[in-house]
C-alpha atoms as a PDB file:
ATOM      1  CA  MET A   1       5.428  12.764   8.500  1.00  0.00           C
ATOM      2  CA  GLU A   2       8.513  14.824   7.618  1.00  0.00           C
ATOM      3  CA  GLN A   3      10.227  11.632   6.439  1.00  0.00           C
ATOM      4  CA  ASP A   4       7.259  10.936   4.117  1.00  0.00           C
ATOM      5  CA  LYS A   5       7.484  14.452   2.695  1.00  0.00           C
ATOM      6  CA  LEU A   6      11.210  14.039   2.077  1.00  0.00           C
ATOM      7  CA  LYS A   7      10.590  10.720   0.332  1.00  0.00           C
ATOM      8  CA  THR A   8       8.004  12.423  -1.877  1.00  0.00           C
ATOM      9  CA  LEU A   9      10.504  15.102  -2.823  1.00  0.00           C
ATOM     10  CA  GLU A  10      13.140  12.447  -3.549  1.00  0.00           C
ATOM     11  CA  LEU A  11      10.697  10.656  -5.872  1.00  0.00           C
ATOM     12  CA  LEU A  12      10.073  13.955  -7.641  1.00  0.00           C
ATOM     13  CA  GLU A  13      13.788  14.701  -7.919  1.00  0.00           C
ATOM     14  CA  GLU A  14      14.417  11.219  -9.378  1.00  0.00           C
ATOM     15  CA  GLY A  15      11.685  11.791 -11.956  1.00  0.00           C
ATOM     16  CA  ARG A  16       9.620   8.838 -10.695  1.00  0.00           C
ATOM     17  CA  ILE A  17       6.588  11.088 -10.097  1.00  0.00           C
ATOM     18  CA  SER A  18       5.474  14.366 -11.677  1.00  0.00           C
ATOM     19  CA  SER A  19       5.285  17.675  -9.834  1.00  0.00           C
ATOM     20  CA  ALA A  20       1.472  17.421  -9.887  1.00  0.00           C
ATOM     21  CA  GLU A  21       1.637  13.957  -8.319  1.00  0.00           C
ATOM     22  CA  ALA A  22       4.097  15.196  -5.703  1.00  0.00           C
ATOM     23  CA  LEU A  23       1.817  18.099  -4.805  1.00  0.00           C
ATOM     24  CA  GLU A  24      -1.190  15.766  -4.526  1.00  0.00           C
ATOM     25  CA  LEU A  25       0.754  13.412  -2.272  1.00  0.00           C
ATOM     26  CA  LEU A  26       2.065  16.226  -0.043  1.00  0.00           C
ATOM     27  CA  GLU A  27      -1.474  17.574   0.342  1.00  0.00           C
ATOM     28  CA  ALA A  28      -2.744  14.091   1.203  1.00  0.00           C
ATOM     29  CA  LEU A  29      -0.033  13.725   3.838  1.00  0.00           C
ATOM     30  CA  ASP A  30      -1.007  17.042   5.405  1.00  0.00           C
ATOM     31  CA  ALA A  31      -4.705  16.145   5.388  1.00  0.00           C
ATOM     32  CA  ALA A  32      -4.337  12.565   6.622  1.00  0.00           C
ATOM     33  CA  PRO A  33      -6.077  11.855   9.936  1.00  0.00           C
ATOM     34  CA  GLY A  34      -3.441  11.167  12.551  1.00  0.00           C
ATOM     35  CA  ALA A  35      -0.710  12.453  10.240  1.00  0.00           C
ATOM     36  CA  GLY A  36       2.587  12.151  12.013  1.00  0.00           C
ATOM     37  CA  ARG A  37       1.056  10.206  14.928  1.00  0.00           C
ATOM     38  CA  GLY A  38       0.987   6.714  13.506  1.00  0.00           C
ATOM     39  CA  GLY A  39      -2.465   6.964  11.936  1.00  0.00           C
ATOM     40  CA  VAL A  40      -4.000   4.296   9.732  1.00  0.00           C
ATOM     41  CA  SER A  41      -1.664   2.209   7.587  1.00  0.00           C
ATOM     42  CA  LEU A  42      -1.703  -0.271   4.753  1.00  0.00           C
ATOM     43  CA  ARG A  43       0.375  -3.335   5.692  1.00  0.00           C
ATOM     44  CA  VAL A  44       1.868  -5.881   3.273  1.00  0.00           C
ATOM     45  CA  ARG A  45       3.537  -9.042   4.588  1.00  0.00           C
ATOM     46  CA  VAL A  46       5.186 -11.703   2.431  1.00  0.00           C
ATOM     47  CA  TYR A  47       6.160 -15.048   3.974  1.00  0.00           C
ATOM     48  CA  GLY A  48       8.463 -17.661   2.464  1.00  0.00           C
ATOM     49  CA  ARG A  49       7.967 -21.401   2.717  1.00  0.00           C
ATOM     50  CA  GLY A  50       7.951 -22.584   6.304  1.00  0.00           C
ATOM     51  CA  ASN A  51       9.311 -19.325   7.700  1.00  0.00           C
ATOM     52  CA  PRO A  52       7.189 -17.754  10.461  1.00  0.00           C
ATOM     53  CA  GLU A  53       8.959 -14.394  10.007  1.00  0.00           C
ATOM     54  CA  PRO A  54       7.981 -12.316   6.966  1.00  0.00           C
ATOM     55  CA  ARG A  55      10.514 -11.853   4.153  1.00  0.00           C
ATOM     56  CA  ALA A  56       8.911  -8.469   3.571  1.00  0.00           C
ATOM     57  CA  ASN A  57       6.944  -6.447   6.112  1.00  0.00           C
ATOM     58  CA  ILE A  58       5.884  -3.123   4.621  1.00  0.00           C
ATOM     59  CA  LYS A  59       3.850  -0.492   6.451  1.00  0.00           C
ATOM     60  CA  VAL A  60       2.630   2.383   4.278  1.00  0.00           C
ATOM     61  CA  PRO A  61       0.784   5.445   5.633  1.00  0.00           C
ATOM     62  CA  LEU A  62      -2.745   5.394   4.268  1.00  0.00           C
ATOM     63  CA  ALA A  63      -2.195   8.744   2.539  1.00  0.00           C
ATOM     64  CA  TRP A  64       0.505   7.068   0.426  1.00  0.00           C
ATOM     65  CA  ALA A  65      -1.727   4.064  -0.185  1.00  0.00           C
ATOM     66  CA  LYS A  66      -4.507   6.304  -1.526  1.00  0.00           C
ATOM     67  CA  PHE A  67      -2.058   7.932  -3.904  1.00  0.00           C
ATOM     68  CA  LEU A  68      -0.381   4.700  -5.040  1.00  0.00           C
ATOM     69  CA  ALA A  69      -3.524   2.522  -5.178  1.00  0.00           C
ATOM     70  CA  PRO A  70      -4.180   2.875  -8.927  1.00  0.00           C
ATOM     71  CA  PHE A  71      -0.602   1.826  -9.740  1.00  0.00           C
ATOM     72  CA  ILE A  72      -0.519  -1.055  -7.248  1.00  0.00           C
ATOM     73  CA  GLU A  73      -3.960  -2.414  -8.121  1.00  0.00           C
ATOM     74  CA  GLY A  74      -3.051  -2.831 -11.784  1.00  0.00           C
ATOM     75  CA  LYS A  75       0.242  -4.602 -11.084  1.00  0.00           C
ATOM     76  CA  LEU A  76      -1.109  -6.775  -8.274  1.00  0.00           C
ATOM     77  CA  SER A  77      -4.209  -7.775 -10.233  1.00  0.00           C
ATOM     78  CA  GLY A  78      -2.113  -8.944 -13.166  1.00  0.00           C
ATOM     79  CA  ASP A  79       0.333 -10.923 -11.049  1.00  0.00           C
ATOM     80  CA  LEU A  80      -2.435 -12.650  -9.077  1.00  0.00           C
ATOM     81  CA  ALA A  81      -4.501 -13.349 -12.217  1.00  0.00           C
ATOM     82  CA  ALA A  82      -1.483 -15.120 -13.715  1.00  0.00           C
ATOM     83  CA  LYS A  83      -1.604 -17.500 -10.728  1.00  0.00           C
ATOM     84  CA  GLY A  84      -5.374 -18.006 -10.988  1.00  0.00           C
ATOM     85  CA  TYR A  85      -6.473 -15.603  -8.229  1.00  0.00           C
ATOM     86  CA  THR A  86      -9.042 -12.839  -8.614  1.00  0.00           C
ATOM     87  CA  LEU A  87      -8.442  -9.525  -6.855  1.00  0.00           C
ATOM     88  CA  ASP A  88     -11.433  -7.377  -5.896  1.00  0.00           C
ATOM     89  CA  THR A  89      -9.928  -3.943  -6.524  1.00  0.00           C
ATOM     90  CA  ALA A  90     -13.226  -2.252  -5.615  1.00  0.00           C
ATOM     91  CA  LYS A  91     -12.945  -3.749  -2.115  1.00  0.00           C
ATOM     92  CA  ILE A  92      -9.422  -2.372  -1.764  1.00  0.00           C
ATOM     93  CA  HIS A  93     -10.472   1.063  -3.021  1.00  0.00           C
ATOM     94  CA  ASP A  94     -13.490   1.195  -0.677  1.00  0.00           C
ATOM     95  CA  ALA A  95     -11.428   0.068   2.332  1.00  0.00           C
ATOM     96  CA  VAL A  96      -8.687   2.619   1.660  1.00  0.00           C
ATOM     97  CA  GLN A  97     -11.227   5.413   1.285  1.00  0.00           C
ATOM     98  CA  ALA A  98     -13.039   4.366   4.481  1.00  0.00           C
ATOM     99  CA  ALA A  99      -9.721   4.038   6.378  1.00  0.00           C
ATOM    100  CA  ARG A 100     -11.062   1.180   8.492  1.00  0.00           C
ATOM    101  CA  PRO A 101      -9.160  -1.945   9.576  1.00  0.00           C
ATOM    102  CA  VAL A 102      -9.841  -4.809   7.172  1.00  0.00           C
ATOM    103  CA  SER A 103      -8.090  -7.752   5.534  1.00  0.00           C
ATOM    104  CA  LEU A 104      -7.796  -7.129   1.792  1.00  0.00           C
ATOM    105  CA  VAL A 105      -5.708 -10.005   0.417  1.00  0.00           C
ATOM    106  CA  ASP A 106      -4.690 -13.288   2.020  1.00  0.00           C
ATOM    107  CA  VAL A 107      -3.086 -15.599  -0.550  1.00  0.00           C
ATOM    108  CA  ARG A 108      -1.449 -18.916   0.312  1.00  0.00           C
ATOM    109  CA  ASP A 109       0.418 -20.781  -2.412  1.00  0.00           C
ATOM    110  CA  GLY A 110       2.508 -23.860  -1.625  1.00  0.00           C
ATOM    111  CA  GLY A 111       3.868 -22.547   1.659  1.00  0.00           C
ATOM    112  CA  ASP A 112       4.341 -18.968   0.455  1.00  0.00           C
ATOM    113  CA  SER A 113       1.813 -16.381   1.517  1.00  0.00           C
ATOM    114  CA  VAL A 114       0.940 -12.713   1.060  1.00  0.00           C
ATOM    115  CA  GLU A 115      -1.219 -10.684   3.418  1.00  0.00           C
ATOM    116  CA  ILE A 116      -2.434  -7.169   2.668  1.00  0.00           C
ATOM    117  CA  PHE A 117      -4.537  -5.373   5.244  1.00  0.00           C
ATOM    118  CA  ILE A 118      -5.397  -1.992   6.721  1.00  0.00           C
ATOM    119  CA  GLU A 119      -4.621  -1.449  10.379  1.00  0.00           C
END
């Protein structure tokens, strides 16, 4: 958890988030169930054509996911809509708030794939 707090402070120092956003994120990290012990995470995996190993394998503490969700949902929705996919952002929001394991996005496109889930 200390590493997450340091990252938050780095984002603040770089001007990528406001002091109010940093405070909200630090409070969420402190209040997160299982904080510092693994806890519940949002996982994003991106696979390239024919490669069984992910090109990107991102594990984000759920406290971060709750904070970043509004930013991610807007970007992800637009990108997927451009490819003809519909993203149920309400499902993502509900799953993040409930902090229960669930698959959120599983997109396969010509050998490439993206998986987003809570574990």
